[in-house]
N, C-alpha and C. Protein backbone atom coordinates (compact mmCIF):
# COMPACT_ATOMS: atom_id res chain seq x y z
N UNK A 1 -6.08 -18.69 26.00
CA UNK A 1 -7.30 -18.34 25.26
C UNK A 1 -6.93 -17.90 23.85
N UNK A 2 -7.66 -18.45 22.87
CA UNK A 2 -7.39 -18.07 21.48
C UNK A 2 -8.08 -16.77 21.16
N UNK A 3 -7.33 -15.85 20.58
CA UNK A 3 -7.91 -14.56 20.20
C UNK A 3 -8.62 -14.69 18.86
N UNK A 4 -9.86 -14.22 18.82
CA UNK A 4 -10.63 -14.23 17.58
C UNK A 4 -10.78 -12.79 17.12
N UNK A 5 -10.12 -12.44 16.03
CA UNK A 5 -10.13 -11.07 15.55
C UNK A 5 -11.47 -10.65 14.99
N UNK A 6 -11.61 -9.34 14.81
CA UNK A 6 -12.86 -8.79 14.27
C UNK A 6 -13.19 -9.38 12.91
N UNK A 7 -12.13 -9.47 12.05
CA UNK A 7 -12.37 -10.01 10.72
C UNK A 7 -12.91 -11.42 10.76
N UNK A 8 -12.41 -12.22 11.71
CA UNK A 8 -12.88 -13.61 11.84
C UNK A 8 -14.34 -13.64 12.28
N UNK A 9 -14.72 -12.72 13.16
CA UNK A 9 -16.11 -12.66 13.62
C UNK A 9 -17.03 -12.27 12.47
N UNK A 10 -16.59 -11.33 11.66
CA UNK A 10 -17.38 -10.92 10.50
C UNK A 10 -17.54 -12.08 9.54
N UNK A 11 -16.45 -12.80 9.29
CA UNK A 11 -16.50 -13.93 8.37
C UNK A 11 -17.38 -15.04 8.92
N UNK A 12 -17.30 -15.27 10.22
CA UNK A 12 -18.16 -16.28 10.84
C UNK A 12 -19.63 -15.91 10.68
N UNK A 13 -19.94 -14.64 10.95
CA UNK A 13 -21.33 -14.18 10.82
C UNK A 13 -21.81 -14.31 9.38
N UNK A 14 -20.96 -13.91 8.43
CA UNK A 14 -21.34 -13.99 7.03
C UNK A 14 -21.58 -15.44 6.61
N UNK A 15 -20.70 -16.34 7.08
CA UNK A 15 -20.83 -17.76 6.73
C UNK A 15 -22.13 -18.35 7.27
N UNK A 16 -22.46 -18.01 8.51
CA UNK A 16 -23.67 -18.59 9.12
C UNK A 16 -24.93 -18.03 8.50
N UNK A 17 -24.95 -16.73 8.23
CA UNK A 17 -26.13 -16.12 7.60
C UNK A 17 -26.28 -16.63 6.17
N UNK A 18 -25.15 -16.72 5.46
CA UNK A 18 -25.17 -17.22 4.09
C UNK A 18 -25.73 -18.63 4.04
N UNK A 19 -25.28 -19.48 4.94
CA UNK A 19 -25.75 -20.86 4.99
C UNK A 19 -27.25 -20.92 5.26
N UNK A 20 -27.72 -20.07 6.16
CA UNK A 20 -29.16 -20.04 6.48
C UNK A 20 -29.98 -19.63 5.26
N UNK A 21 -29.44 -18.72 4.47
CA UNK A 21 -30.14 -18.29 3.25
C UNK A 21 -30.14 -19.41 2.21
N UNK A 22 -28.98 -20.04 2.04
CA UNK A 22 -28.85 -21.12 1.05
C UNK A 22 -29.76 -22.30 1.40
N UNK A 23 -29.81 -22.66 2.69
CA UNK A 23 -30.64 -23.78 3.13
C UNK A 23 -32.13 -23.46 3.06
N UNK A 24 -32.46 -22.18 3.02
CA UNK A 24 -33.86 -21.78 3.01
C UNK A 24 -34.40 -21.50 4.39
N UNK A 25 -33.54 -21.55 5.41
CA UNK A 25 -33.98 -21.19 6.76
C UNK A 25 -34.40 -19.72 6.80
N UNK A 26 -33.69 -18.91 6.04
CA UNK A 26 -34.08 -17.52 5.83
C UNK A 26 -34.60 -17.44 4.40
N UNK A 27 -35.90 -17.41 4.23
CA UNK A 27 -36.51 -17.47 2.91
C UNK A 27 -36.43 -16.13 2.19
N UNK A 28 -36.56 -16.16 0.85
CA UNK A 28 -36.56 -14.92 0.08
C UNK A 28 -37.61 -13.95 0.62
N UNK A 29 -37.21 -12.71 0.78
CA UNK A 29 -38.13 -11.70 1.28
C UNK A 29 -38.14 -11.55 2.79
N UNK A 30 -37.49 -12.47 3.50
CA UNK A 30 -37.46 -12.41 4.96
C UNK A 30 -36.73 -11.16 5.45
N UNK A 31 -37.37 -10.41 6.34
CA UNK A 31 -36.74 -9.22 6.91
C UNK A 31 -35.61 -9.65 7.84
N UNK A 32 -34.51 -8.92 7.79
CA UNK A 32 -33.35 -9.22 8.62
C UNK A 32 -33.08 -8.04 9.55
N UNK A 33 -32.98 -8.34 10.83
CA UNK A 33 -32.68 -7.31 11.82
C UNK A 33 -31.34 -7.65 12.48
N UNK A 34 -30.40 -6.74 12.37
CA UNK A 34 -29.06 -7.04 12.86
C UNK A 34 -29.03 -7.30 14.37
N UNK A 35 -29.92 -6.65 15.11
CA UNK A 35 -29.95 -6.86 16.56
C UNK A 35 -30.33 -8.30 16.88
N UNK A 36 -31.37 -8.81 16.21
CA UNK A 36 -31.82 -10.17 16.46
C UNK A 36 -30.77 -11.19 16.01
N UNK A 37 -30.16 -10.92 14.86
CA UNK A 37 -29.13 -11.84 14.36
C UNK A 37 -27.91 -11.87 15.28
N UNK A 38 -27.53 -10.70 15.73
CA UNK A 38 -26.37 -10.62 16.63
C UNK A 38 -26.62 -11.43 17.90
N UNK A 39 -27.83 -11.30 18.43
CA UNK A 39 -28.16 -12.04 19.65
C UNK A 39 -28.18 -13.54 19.39
N UNK A 40 -28.73 -13.93 18.25
CA UNK A 40 -28.80 -15.34 17.90
C UNK A 40 -27.42 -15.94 17.69
N UNK A 41 -26.52 -15.17 17.09
CA UNK A 41 -25.17 -15.66 16.80
C UNK A 41 -24.21 -15.46 17.97
N UNK A 42 -24.66 -14.74 18.97
CA UNK A 42 -23.79 -14.48 20.11
C UNK A 42 -22.67 -13.51 19.79
N UNK A 43 -22.97 -12.56 18.92
CA UNK A 43 -21.98 -11.58 18.50
C UNK A 43 -22.49 -10.17 18.74
N UNK A 44 -21.60 -9.20 18.62
CA UNK A 44 -22.02 -7.80 18.68
C UNK A 44 -22.62 -7.41 17.34
N UNK A 45 -23.24 -6.25 17.29
CA UNK A 45 -23.90 -5.82 16.05
C UNK A 45 -22.91 -5.47 14.94
N UNK A 46 -21.71 -5.03 15.33
CA UNK A 46 -20.77 -4.55 14.31
C UNK A 46 -20.36 -5.63 13.30
N UNK A 47 -19.87 -6.80 13.73
CA UNK A 47 -19.53 -7.82 12.73
C UNK A 47 -20.73 -8.31 11.95
N UNK A 48 -21.91 -8.31 12.56
CA UNK A 48 -23.12 -8.73 11.86
C UNK A 48 -23.47 -7.72 10.77
N UNK A 49 -23.36 -6.44 11.09
CA UNK A 49 -23.64 -5.42 10.09
C UNK A 49 -22.67 -5.53 8.91
N UNK A 50 -21.39 -5.75 9.22
CA UNK A 50 -20.39 -5.90 8.17
C UNK A 50 -20.64 -7.16 7.35
N UNK A 51 -21.10 -8.21 8.02
CA UNK A 51 -21.42 -9.45 7.31
C UNK A 51 -22.58 -9.23 6.35
N UNK A 52 -23.57 -8.48 6.79
CA UNK A 52 -24.73 -8.18 5.93
C UNK A 52 -24.31 -7.34 4.73
N UNK A 53 -23.31 -6.46 4.93
CA UNK A 53 -22.80 -5.67 3.81
C UNK A 53 -22.14 -6.58 2.79
N UNK A 54 -21.41 -7.58 3.28
CA UNK A 54 -20.76 -8.56 2.39
C UNK A 54 -21.81 -9.34 1.61
N UNK A 55 -22.86 -9.77 2.30
CA UNK A 55 -23.90 -10.56 1.65
C UNK A 55 -24.71 -9.70 0.67
N UNK A 56 -24.77 -8.40 0.94
CA UNK A 56 -25.42 -7.49 -0.01
C UNK A 56 -24.61 -7.42 -1.30
N UNK A 57 -23.28 -7.33 -1.15
CA UNK A 57 -22.41 -7.32 -2.33
C UNK A 57 -22.53 -8.62 -3.12
N UNK A 58 -22.78 -9.72 -2.41
CA UNK A 58 -22.90 -11.02 -3.06
C UNK A 58 -24.27 -11.22 -3.71
N UNK A 59 -25.22 -10.35 -3.40
CA UNK A 59 -26.54 -10.45 -4.01
C UNK A 59 -27.52 -11.30 -3.24
N UNK A 60 -27.16 -11.72 -2.03
CA UNK A 60 -28.06 -12.55 -1.23
C UNK A 60 -28.95 -11.72 -0.30
N UNK A 61 -28.54 -10.50 -0.04
CA UNK A 61 -29.29 -9.59 0.82
C UNK A 61 -29.45 -8.27 0.09
N UNK A 62 -30.60 -7.63 0.28
CA UNK A 62 -30.82 -6.30 -0.28
C UNK A 62 -31.26 -5.37 0.83
N UNK A 63 -30.86 -4.12 0.71
CA UNK A 63 -31.18 -3.16 1.76
C UNK A 63 -31.54 -1.81 1.20
N UNK A 64 -32.44 -1.15 1.88
CA UNK A 64 -32.82 0.22 1.56
C UNK A 64 -32.71 1.00 2.86
N UNK A 65 -31.83 2.00 2.90
CA UNK A 65 -31.61 2.75 4.14
C UNK A 65 -32.91 3.25 4.77
N UNK A 66 -33.04 3.04 6.07
CA UNK A 66 -34.19 3.49 6.86
C UNK A 66 -35.50 2.82 6.43
N UNK A 67 -35.39 1.74 5.65
CA UNK A 67 -36.61 1.06 5.20
C UNK A 67 -36.56 -0.44 5.51
N UNK A 68 -35.60 -1.16 4.92
CA UNK A 68 -35.55 -2.61 5.14
C UNK A 68 -34.19 -3.19 4.81
N UNK A 69 -33.94 -4.36 5.38
CA UNK A 69 -32.85 -5.24 5.00
C UNK A 69 -33.49 -6.61 4.93
N UNK A 70 -33.38 -7.27 3.79
CA UNK A 70 -34.08 -8.54 3.62
C UNK A 70 -33.34 -9.46 2.67
N UNK A 71 -33.71 -10.72 2.72
CA UNK A 71 -33.15 -11.71 1.82
C UNK A 71 -33.70 -11.44 0.42
N UNK A 72 -32.82 -11.44 -0.57
CA UNK A 72 -33.27 -11.16 -1.93
C UNK A 72 -34.13 -12.29 -2.48
N UNK A 73 -34.99 -11.93 -3.40
CA UNK A 73 -35.80 -12.93 -4.09
C UNK A 73 -34.88 -13.78 -4.97
N UNK A 74 -35.24 -15.03 -5.16
CA UNK A 74 -34.44 -15.91 -6.02
C UNK A 74 -34.91 -15.72 -7.46
N UNK A 75 -34.37 -14.69 -8.09
CA UNK A 75 -34.77 -14.35 -9.45
C UNK A 75 -33.84 -15.03 -10.45
N UNK A 76 -34.43 -15.55 -11.51
CA UNK A 76 -33.67 -16.36 -12.46
C UNK A 76 -32.60 -15.58 -13.20
N UNK A 77 -32.90 -14.37 -13.63
CA UNK A 77 -31.97 -13.66 -14.51
C UNK A 77 -30.61 -13.37 -13.87
N UNK A 78 -30.56 -12.75 -12.67
CA UNK A 78 -29.23 -12.51 -12.08
C UNK A 78 -28.49 -13.79 -11.72
N UNK A 79 -29.23 -14.81 -11.30
CA UNK A 79 -28.59 -16.09 -10.98
C UNK A 79 -28.04 -16.72 -12.25
N UNK A 80 -28.80 -16.63 -13.31
CA UNK A 80 -28.34 -17.18 -14.59
C UNK A 80 -27.09 -16.45 -15.09
N UNK A 81 -27.07 -15.14 -14.93
CA UNK A 81 -25.90 -14.36 -15.34
C UNK A 81 -24.66 -14.79 -14.55
N UNK A 82 -24.84 -14.98 -13.24
CA UNK A 82 -23.72 -15.40 -12.40
C UNK A 82 -23.28 -16.82 -12.75
N UNK A 83 -24.25 -17.69 -13.02
CA UNK A 83 -23.95 -19.08 -13.34
C UNK A 83 -23.10 -19.19 -14.60
N UNK A 84 -23.41 -18.40 -15.61
CA UNK A 84 -22.64 -18.43 -16.85
C UNK A 84 -21.17 -18.12 -16.58
N UNK A 85 -20.94 -17.16 -15.71
CA UNK A 85 -19.56 -16.77 -15.39
C UNK A 85 -18.86 -17.86 -14.58
N UNK A 86 -19.52 -18.35 -13.53
CA UNK A 86 -18.95 -19.39 -12.68
C UNK A 86 -18.66 -20.66 -13.49
N UNK A 87 -19.62 -21.04 -14.30
CA UNK A 87 -19.51 -22.22 -15.15
C UNK A 87 -18.31 -22.10 -16.08
N UNK A 88 -18.16 -20.95 -16.71
CA UNK A 88 -17.05 -20.73 -17.65
C UNK A 88 -15.70 -20.76 -16.96
N UNK A 89 -15.64 -20.18 -15.76
CA UNK A 89 -14.37 -20.14 -15.02
C UNK A 89 -13.94 -21.54 -14.58
N UNK A 90 -14.89 -22.36 -14.14
CA UNK A 90 -14.55 -23.72 -13.74
C UNK A 90 -14.08 -24.54 -14.95
N UNK A 91 -14.74 -24.35 -16.08
CA UNK A 91 -14.34 -25.07 -17.29
C UNK A 91 -12.95 -24.64 -17.73
N UNK A 92 -12.68 -23.34 -17.63
CA UNK A 92 -11.37 -22.82 -18.02
C UNK A 92 -10.28 -23.35 -17.09
N UNK A 93 -10.57 -23.37 -15.79
CA UNK A 93 -9.59 -23.89 -14.82
C UNK A 93 -9.24 -25.33 -15.15
N UNK A 94 -10.24 -26.13 -15.47
CA UNK A 94 -9.99 -27.53 -15.79
C UNK A 94 -9.18 -27.67 -17.07
N UNK A 95 -9.52 -26.86 -18.08
CA UNK A 95 -8.78 -26.91 -19.34
C UNK A 95 -7.30 -26.60 -19.10
N UNK A 96 -7.04 -25.61 -18.27
CA UNK A 96 -5.65 -25.20 -18.01
C UNK A 96 -4.86 -26.28 -17.29
N UNK A 97 -5.44 -26.84 -16.24
CA UNK A 97 -4.66 -27.82 -15.45
C UNK A 97 -4.40 -29.10 -16.22
N UNK A 98 -5.36 -29.53 -17.02
CA UNK A 98 -5.14 -30.76 -17.79
C UNK A 98 -4.15 -30.51 -18.92
N UNK A 99 -4.29 -29.37 -19.57
CA UNK A 99 -3.36 -29.03 -20.66
C UNK A 99 -1.92 -28.92 -20.14
N UNK A 100 -1.78 -28.34 -18.94
CA UNK A 100 -0.45 -28.16 -18.37
C UNK A 100 0.06 -29.40 -17.63
N UNK A 101 -0.81 -30.41 -17.54
CA UNK A 101 -0.48 -31.62 -16.78
C UNK A 101 -0.16 -31.27 -15.31
N UNK A 102 -0.97 -30.37 -14.74
CA UNK A 102 -0.74 -29.89 -13.38
C UNK A 102 -1.34 -30.78 -12.30
N UNK A 103 -2.22 -31.69 -12.69
CA UNK A 103 -2.87 -32.55 -11.71
C UNK A 103 -1.98 -33.73 -11.36
N UNK A 104 -1.75 -33.92 -10.07
CA UNK A 104 -0.95 -35.06 -9.61
C UNK A 104 -1.87 -36.23 -9.30
N UNK A 105 -1.27 -37.36 -9.01
CA UNK A 105 -2.05 -38.53 -8.62
C UNK A 105 -2.85 -38.24 -7.35
N UNK A 106 -2.24 -37.47 -6.44
CA UNK A 106 -2.94 -37.10 -5.21
C UNK A 106 -4.15 -36.21 -5.50
N UNK A 107 -4.01 -35.32 -6.48
CA UNK A 107 -5.13 -34.45 -6.85
C UNK A 107 -6.29 -35.28 -7.40
N UNK A 108 -5.96 -36.23 -8.24
CA UNK A 108 -6.99 -37.11 -8.80
C UNK A 108 -7.65 -37.90 -7.68
N UNK A 109 -6.85 -38.36 -6.74
CA UNK A 109 -7.39 -39.12 -5.60
C UNK A 109 -8.32 -38.26 -4.76
N UNK A 110 -7.98 -36.98 -4.63
CA UNK A 110 -8.82 -36.06 -3.87
C UNK A 110 -10.17 -35.87 -4.57
N UNK A 111 -10.15 -35.76 -5.89
CA UNK A 111 -11.38 -35.62 -6.66
C UNK A 111 -12.24 -36.88 -6.53
N UNK A 112 -11.58 -38.03 -6.61
CA UNK A 112 -12.32 -39.30 -6.51
C UNK A 112 -12.95 -39.45 -5.12
N UNK A 113 -12.20 -39.09 -4.08
CA UNK A 113 -12.72 -39.19 -2.72
C UNK A 113 -13.88 -38.21 -2.51
N UNK A 114 -13.75 -37.01 -3.07
CA UNK A 114 -14.81 -36.01 -2.94
C UNK A 114 -16.09 -36.49 -3.62
N UNK A 115 -15.93 -37.15 -4.78
CA UNK A 115 -17.11 -37.65 -5.48
C UNK A 115 -17.77 -38.78 -4.70
N UNK A 116 -16.97 -39.59 -4.03
CA UNK A 116 -17.51 -40.66 -3.19
C UNK A 116 -18.31 -40.07 -2.03
N UNK A 117 -17.76 -39.03 -1.42
CA UNK A 117 -18.45 -38.35 -0.32
C UNK A 117 -19.72 -37.69 -0.84
N UNK A 118 -19.63 -37.12 -2.03
CA UNK A 118 -20.77 -36.47 -2.69
C UNK A 118 -21.91 -37.47 -2.87
N UNK A 119 -21.59 -38.66 -3.37
CA UNK A 119 -22.61 -39.69 -3.57
C UNK A 119 -23.26 -40.09 -2.25
N UNK A 120 -22.44 -40.28 -1.22
CA UNK A 120 -22.98 -40.67 0.08
C UNK A 120 -23.94 -39.61 0.62
N UNK A 121 -23.57 -38.34 0.41
CA UNK A 121 -24.41 -37.24 0.88
C UNK A 121 -25.74 -37.22 0.14
N UNK A 122 -25.69 -37.45 -1.16
CA UNK A 122 -26.93 -37.49 -1.95
C UNK A 122 -27.81 -38.66 -1.52
N UNK A 123 -27.18 -39.81 -1.29
CA UNK A 123 -27.92 -41.00 -0.86
C UNK A 123 -28.59 -40.76 0.50
N UNK A 124 -27.97 -39.90 1.31
CA UNK A 124 -28.52 -39.59 2.64
C UNK A 124 -29.45 -38.38 2.60
N UNK A 125 -29.67 -37.87 1.38
CA UNK A 125 -30.52 -36.68 1.21
C UNK A 125 -30.00 -35.49 2.02
N UNK A 126 -28.69 -35.37 2.09
CA UNK A 126 -28.04 -34.28 2.82
C UNK A 126 -27.48 -33.28 1.81
N UNK A 127 -28.31 -32.31 1.44
CA UNK A 127 -27.91 -31.34 0.41
C UNK A 127 -26.74 -30.48 0.85
N UNK A 128 -26.66 -30.16 2.13
CA UNK A 128 -25.57 -29.33 2.63
C UNK A 128 -24.23 -30.06 2.50
N UNK A 129 -24.20 -31.33 2.89
CA UNK A 129 -22.97 -32.11 2.77
C UNK A 129 -22.62 -32.35 1.30
N UNK A 130 -23.64 -32.53 0.47
CA UNK A 130 -23.41 -32.73 -0.97
C UNK A 130 -22.79 -31.48 -1.58
N UNK A 131 -23.28 -30.34 -1.16
CA UNK A 131 -22.74 -29.07 -1.67
C UNK A 131 -21.28 -28.91 -1.27
N UNK A 132 -20.95 -29.27 -0.04
CA UNK A 132 -19.57 -29.17 0.44
C UNK A 132 -18.66 -30.12 -0.33
N UNK A 133 -19.14 -31.34 -0.59
CA UNK A 133 -18.33 -32.32 -1.33
C UNK A 133 -18.16 -31.89 -2.78
N UNK A 134 -19.19 -31.32 -3.36
CA UNK A 134 -19.11 -30.83 -4.73
C UNK A 134 -18.09 -29.69 -4.82
N UNK A 135 -18.10 -28.82 -3.81
CA UNK A 135 -17.11 -27.75 -3.76
C UNK A 135 -15.70 -28.32 -3.73
N UNK A 136 -15.51 -29.34 -2.91
CA UNK A 136 -14.19 -29.95 -2.77
C UNK A 136 -13.73 -30.55 -4.10
N UNK A 137 -14.66 -31.17 -4.81
CA UNK A 137 -14.34 -31.78 -6.10
C UNK A 137 -13.86 -30.71 -7.09
N UNK A 138 -14.64 -29.66 -7.25
CA UNK A 138 -14.30 -28.64 -8.25
C UNK A 138 -13.15 -27.74 -7.81
N UNK A 139 -12.90 -27.67 -6.50
CA UNK A 139 -11.83 -26.80 -6.00
C UNK A 139 -10.45 -27.29 -6.41
N UNK A 140 -10.33 -28.57 -6.71
CA UNK A 140 -9.03 -29.13 -7.08
C UNK A 140 -8.47 -28.44 -8.31
N UNK A 141 -9.27 -28.34 -9.35
CA UNK A 141 -8.81 -27.71 -10.59
C UNK A 141 -8.55 -26.22 -10.39
N UNK A 142 -9.41 -25.58 -9.63
CA UNK A 142 -9.26 -24.14 -9.38
C UNK A 142 -7.96 -23.88 -8.63
N UNK A 143 -7.65 -24.70 -7.64
CA UNK A 143 -6.42 -24.55 -6.88
C UNK A 143 -5.19 -24.84 -7.75
N UNK A 144 -5.27 -25.89 -8.51
CA UNK A 144 -4.09 -26.32 -9.28
C UNK A 144 -3.81 -25.45 -10.50
N UNK A 145 -4.81 -24.74 -10.99
CA UNK A 145 -4.56 -23.88 -12.16
C UNK A 145 -3.77 -22.65 -11.75
N UNK A 146 -3.79 -22.33 -10.44
CA UNK A 146 -2.97 -21.25 -9.89
C UNK A 146 -3.16 -19.94 -10.65
N UNK A 147 -4.43 -19.59 -10.85
CA UNK A 147 -4.76 -18.34 -11.55
C UNK A 147 -5.64 -17.51 -10.62
N UNK A 148 -5.09 -16.42 -10.09
CA UNK A 148 -5.82 -15.65 -9.08
C UNK A 148 -7.10 -15.04 -9.65
N UNK A 149 -7.10 -14.69 -10.93
CA UNK A 149 -8.27 -14.06 -11.53
C UNK A 149 -9.44 -15.05 -11.63
N UNK A 150 -9.13 -16.29 -11.99
CA UNK A 150 -10.16 -17.32 -12.05
C UNK A 150 -10.73 -17.56 -10.66
N UNK A 151 -9.85 -17.73 -9.68
CA UNK A 151 -10.29 -18.00 -8.31
C UNK A 151 -11.12 -16.84 -7.75
N UNK A 152 -10.68 -15.62 -7.99
CA UNK A 152 -11.38 -14.45 -7.48
C UNK A 152 -12.75 -14.29 -8.12
N UNK A 153 -12.84 -14.58 -9.41
CA UNK A 153 -14.11 -14.46 -10.11
C UNK A 153 -15.10 -15.51 -9.61
N UNK A 154 -14.62 -16.72 -9.40
CA UNK A 154 -15.47 -17.78 -8.86
C UNK A 154 -15.96 -17.40 -7.46
N UNK A 155 -15.05 -16.91 -6.63
CA UNK A 155 -15.44 -16.51 -5.27
C UNK A 155 -16.46 -15.38 -5.29
N UNK A 156 -16.33 -14.49 -6.24
CA UNK A 156 -17.21 -13.32 -6.31
C UNK A 156 -18.63 -13.70 -6.69
N UNK A 157 -18.80 -14.62 -7.64
CA UNK A 157 -20.14 -14.88 -8.17
C UNK A 157 -20.79 -16.19 -7.71
N UNK A 158 -20.03 -17.08 -7.09
CA UNK A 158 -20.61 -18.33 -6.62
C UNK A 158 -21.74 -18.15 -5.60
N UNK A 159 -21.61 -17.21 -4.64
CA UNK A 159 -22.69 -17.07 -3.65
C UNK A 159 -24.08 -16.88 -4.27
N UNK A 160 -24.13 -16.23 -5.42
CA UNK A 160 -25.42 -15.96 -6.04
C UNK A 160 -26.08 -17.22 -6.60
N UNK A 161 -25.28 -18.26 -6.87
CA UNK A 161 -25.86 -19.49 -7.42
C UNK A 161 -26.04 -20.57 -6.36
N UNK A 162 -25.68 -20.25 -5.11
CA UNK A 162 -25.73 -21.25 -4.04
C UNK A 162 -27.13 -21.82 -3.82
N UNK A 163 -28.14 -20.97 -3.86
CA UNK A 163 -29.49 -21.48 -3.59
C UNK A 163 -29.94 -22.43 -4.69
N UNK A 164 -29.52 -22.16 -5.93
CA UNK A 164 -29.84 -23.06 -7.03
C UNK A 164 -29.12 -24.39 -6.84
N UNK A 165 -27.86 -24.34 -6.37
CA UNK A 165 -27.11 -25.56 -6.11
C UNK A 165 -27.77 -26.40 -5.02
N UNK A 166 -28.17 -25.74 -3.95
CA UNK A 166 -28.81 -26.45 -2.83
C UNK A 166 -30.10 -27.11 -3.29
N UNK A 167 -30.86 -26.38 -4.11
CA UNK A 167 -32.10 -26.93 -4.64
C UNK A 167 -31.82 -28.13 -5.53
N UNK A 168 -30.78 -28.02 -6.35
CA UNK A 168 -30.39 -29.11 -7.25
C UNK A 168 -30.01 -30.36 -6.47
N UNK A 169 -29.21 -30.18 -5.42
CA UNK A 169 -28.73 -31.33 -4.66
C UNK A 169 -29.79 -31.88 -3.71
N UNK A 170 -30.93 -31.23 -3.67
CA UNK A 170 -32.06 -31.75 -2.89
C UNK A 170 -33.00 -32.58 -3.76
N UNK A 171 -32.69 -32.65 -5.06
CA UNK A 171 -33.56 -33.35 -6.00
C UNK A 171 -32.93 -34.64 -6.51
N UNK A 172 -33.74 -35.60 -6.93
CA UNK A 172 -33.22 -36.88 -7.45
C UNK A 172 -32.31 -36.71 -8.66
N UNK A 173 -32.55 -35.65 -9.45
CA UNK A 173 -31.76 -35.44 -10.65
C UNK A 173 -30.29 -35.20 -10.40
N UNK A 174 -29.94 -34.87 -9.16
CA UNK A 174 -28.55 -34.58 -8.83
C UNK A 174 -27.68 -35.82 -8.94
N UNK A 175 -28.28 -37.01 -8.90
CA UNK A 175 -27.50 -38.25 -8.97
C UNK A 175 -26.69 -38.33 -10.25
N UNK A 176 -27.14 -37.65 -11.30
CA UNK A 176 -26.40 -37.68 -12.57
C UNK A 176 -25.03 -37.04 -12.41
N UNK A 177 -24.90 -36.12 -11.44
CA UNK A 177 -23.62 -35.44 -11.24
C UNK A 177 -22.53 -36.40 -10.78
N UNK A 178 -22.90 -37.46 -10.09
CA UNK A 178 -21.91 -38.45 -9.66
C UNK A 178 -21.23 -39.06 -10.87
N UNK A 179 -22.02 -39.45 -11.85
CA UNK A 179 -21.48 -40.02 -13.08
C UNK A 179 -20.69 -38.99 -13.86
N UNK A 180 -21.18 -37.76 -13.91
CA UNK A 180 -20.47 -36.70 -14.61
C UNK A 180 -19.11 -36.43 -13.97
N UNK A 181 -19.07 -36.44 -12.65
CA UNK A 181 -17.80 -36.25 -11.96
C UNK A 181 -16.81 -37.37 -12.32
N UNK A 182 -17.30 -38.59 -12.37
CA UNK A 182 -16.45 -39.72 -12.72
C UNK A 182 -15.91 -39.58 -14.14
N UNK A 183 -16.74 -39.10 -15.04
CA UNK A 183 -16.29 -38.89 -16.42
C UNK A 183 -15.23 -37.80 -16.49
N UNK A 184 -15.38 -36.78 -15.66
CA UNK A 184 -14.37 -35.71 -15.61
C UNK A 184 -13.04 -36.27 -15.13
N UNK A 185 -13.09 -37.09 -14.09
CA UNK A 185 -11.87 -37.72 -13.56
C UNK A 185 -11.18 -38.55 -14.65
N UNK A 186 -11.95 -39.33 -15.38
CA UNK A 186 -11.39 -40.17 -16.44
C UNK A 186 -10.75 -39.33 -17.54
N UNK A 187 -11.38 -38.22 -17.89
CA UNK A 187 -10.81 -37.33 -18.91
C UNK A 187 -9.50 -36.72 -18.43
N UNK A 188 -9.44 -36.41 -17.14
CA UNK A 188 -8.20 -35.88 -16.56
C UNK A 188 -7.09 -36.92 -16.63
N UNK A 189 -7.43 -38.15 -16.30
CA UNK A 189 -6.44 -39.23 -16.32
C UNK A 189 -5.94 -39.49 -17.74
N UNK A 190 -6.82 -39.27 -18.71
CA UNK A 190 -6.45 -39.46 -20.11
C UNK A 190 -5.67 -38.28 -20.67
N UNK A 191 -5.65 -37.17 -19.93
CA UNK A 191 -4.95 -35.98 -20.39
C UNK A 191 -5.67 -35.24 -21.50
N UNK A 192 -6.99 -35.43 -21.59
CA UNK A 192 -7.79 -34.79 -22.63
C UNK A 192 -8.39 -33.50 -22.08
N UNK A 193 -7.69 -32.39 -22.30
CA UNK A 193 -8.10 -31.10 -21.74
C UNK A 193 -9.44 -30.63 -22.31
N UNK A 194 -9.63 -30.82 -23.61
CA UNK A 194 -10.87 -30.37 -24.24
C UNK A 194 -12.08 -31.12 -23.68
N UNK A 195 -11.95 -32.43 -23.57
CA UNK A 195 -13.05 -33.24 -23.05
C UNK A 195 -13.32 -32.91 -21.59
N UNK A 196 -12.27 -32.81 -20.79
CA UNK A 196 -12.44 -32.51 -19.37
C UNK A 196 -13.15 -31.18 -19.17
N UNK A 197 -12.73 -30.18 -19.94
CA UNK A 197 -13.35 -28.86 -19.84
C UNK A 197 -14.81 -28.89 -20.27
N UNK A 198 -15.08 -29.61 -21.34
CA UNK A 198 -16.45 -29.73 -21.85
C UNK A 198 -17.35 -30.42 -20.83
N UNK A 199 -16.82 -31.44 -20.18
CA UNK A 199 -17.60 -32.18 -19.18
C UNK A 199 -17.89 -31.33 -17.95
N UNK A 200 -16.92 -30.50 -17.55
CA UNK A 200 -17.14 -29.59 -16.42
C UNK A 200 -18.22 -28.59 -16.78
N UNK A 201 -18.14 -28.06 -17.98
CA UNK A 201 -19.15 -27.10 -18.44
C UNK A 201 -20.54 -27.74 -18.43
N UNK A 202 -20.62 -28.97 -18.89
CA UNK A 202 -21.89 -29.70 -18.93
C UNK A 202 -22.41 -29.95 -17.52
N UNK A 203 -21.51 -30.28 -16.61
CA UNK A 203 -21.89 -30.54 -15.22
C UNK A 203 -22.52 -29.31 -14.59
N UNK A 204 -21.91 -28.16 -14.77
CA UNK A 204 -22.45 -26.92 -14.20
C UNK A 204 -23.74 -26.49 -14.89
N UNK A 205 -23.88 -26.84 -16.17
CA UNK A 205 -25.08 -26.42 -16.90
C UNK A 205 -26.35 -27.06 -16.37
N UNK A 206 -26.22 -28.15 -15.58
CA UNK A 206 -27.42 -28.80 -15.04
C UNK A 206 -28.16 -27.88 -14.06
N UNK A 207 -27.46 -26.87 -13.54
CA UNK A 207 -28.13 -25.93 -12.62
C UNK A 207 -29.17 -25.09 -13.34
N UNK A 208 -29.06 -24.98 -14.66
CA UNK A 208 -30.04 -24.23 -15.41
C UNK A 208 -31.45 -24.77 -15.18
N UNK A 209 -31.56 -26.07 -14.90
CA UNK A 209 -32.85 -26.68 -14.68
C UNK A 209 -33.55 -26.10 -13.45
N UNK A 210 -32.77 -25.57 -12.50
CA UNK A 210 -33.35 -25.01 -11.28
C UNK A 210 -33.84 -23.58 -11.49
N UNK A 211 -33.54 -23.01 -12.66
CA UNK A 211 -33.91 -21.61 -12.92
C UNK A 211 -35.11 -21.50 -13.84
């Protein structure tokens, strides 16, 4: 039997609740009760409570002691603030890896494959799969730049922009991202760090339309 530690249970609970919020299954303003969630997830209340604390830190859940715990409203200003940071960090990561020539042929192939998967997901109107493929595409530069501060900052603020991303990938306008991804790949192959970074920044800026 495989042992599943407490931390893993908390992470699993956080991942499932986060996904439900991003997909809209748990709509803004929805009251959250840890007892009901624990029963639904087949977990005890402790990891669920800790997961909700994590999601509160991420800005997806808000709580007032002895009053309520609920999904936060999708307000433009805090999401926009987070997006500016996430967008800048991704652009910086790309600038660093291309400038340092850190991307290998395998890395480029991974980006190309992720974009292909991304297109298929969009064609199938599968926003969840598109979001996962988009993550895989952008994760290449973040991983290869090997900068813990960039990675930590992206991890910290990305959850707040997830609902905007899901909304974007549910719309026809998201198809433009396929072409933008291809242009980013070409800039990487050309070794043009400035262009690659600019294109990444432009790609993330399309989320502004959802705000």
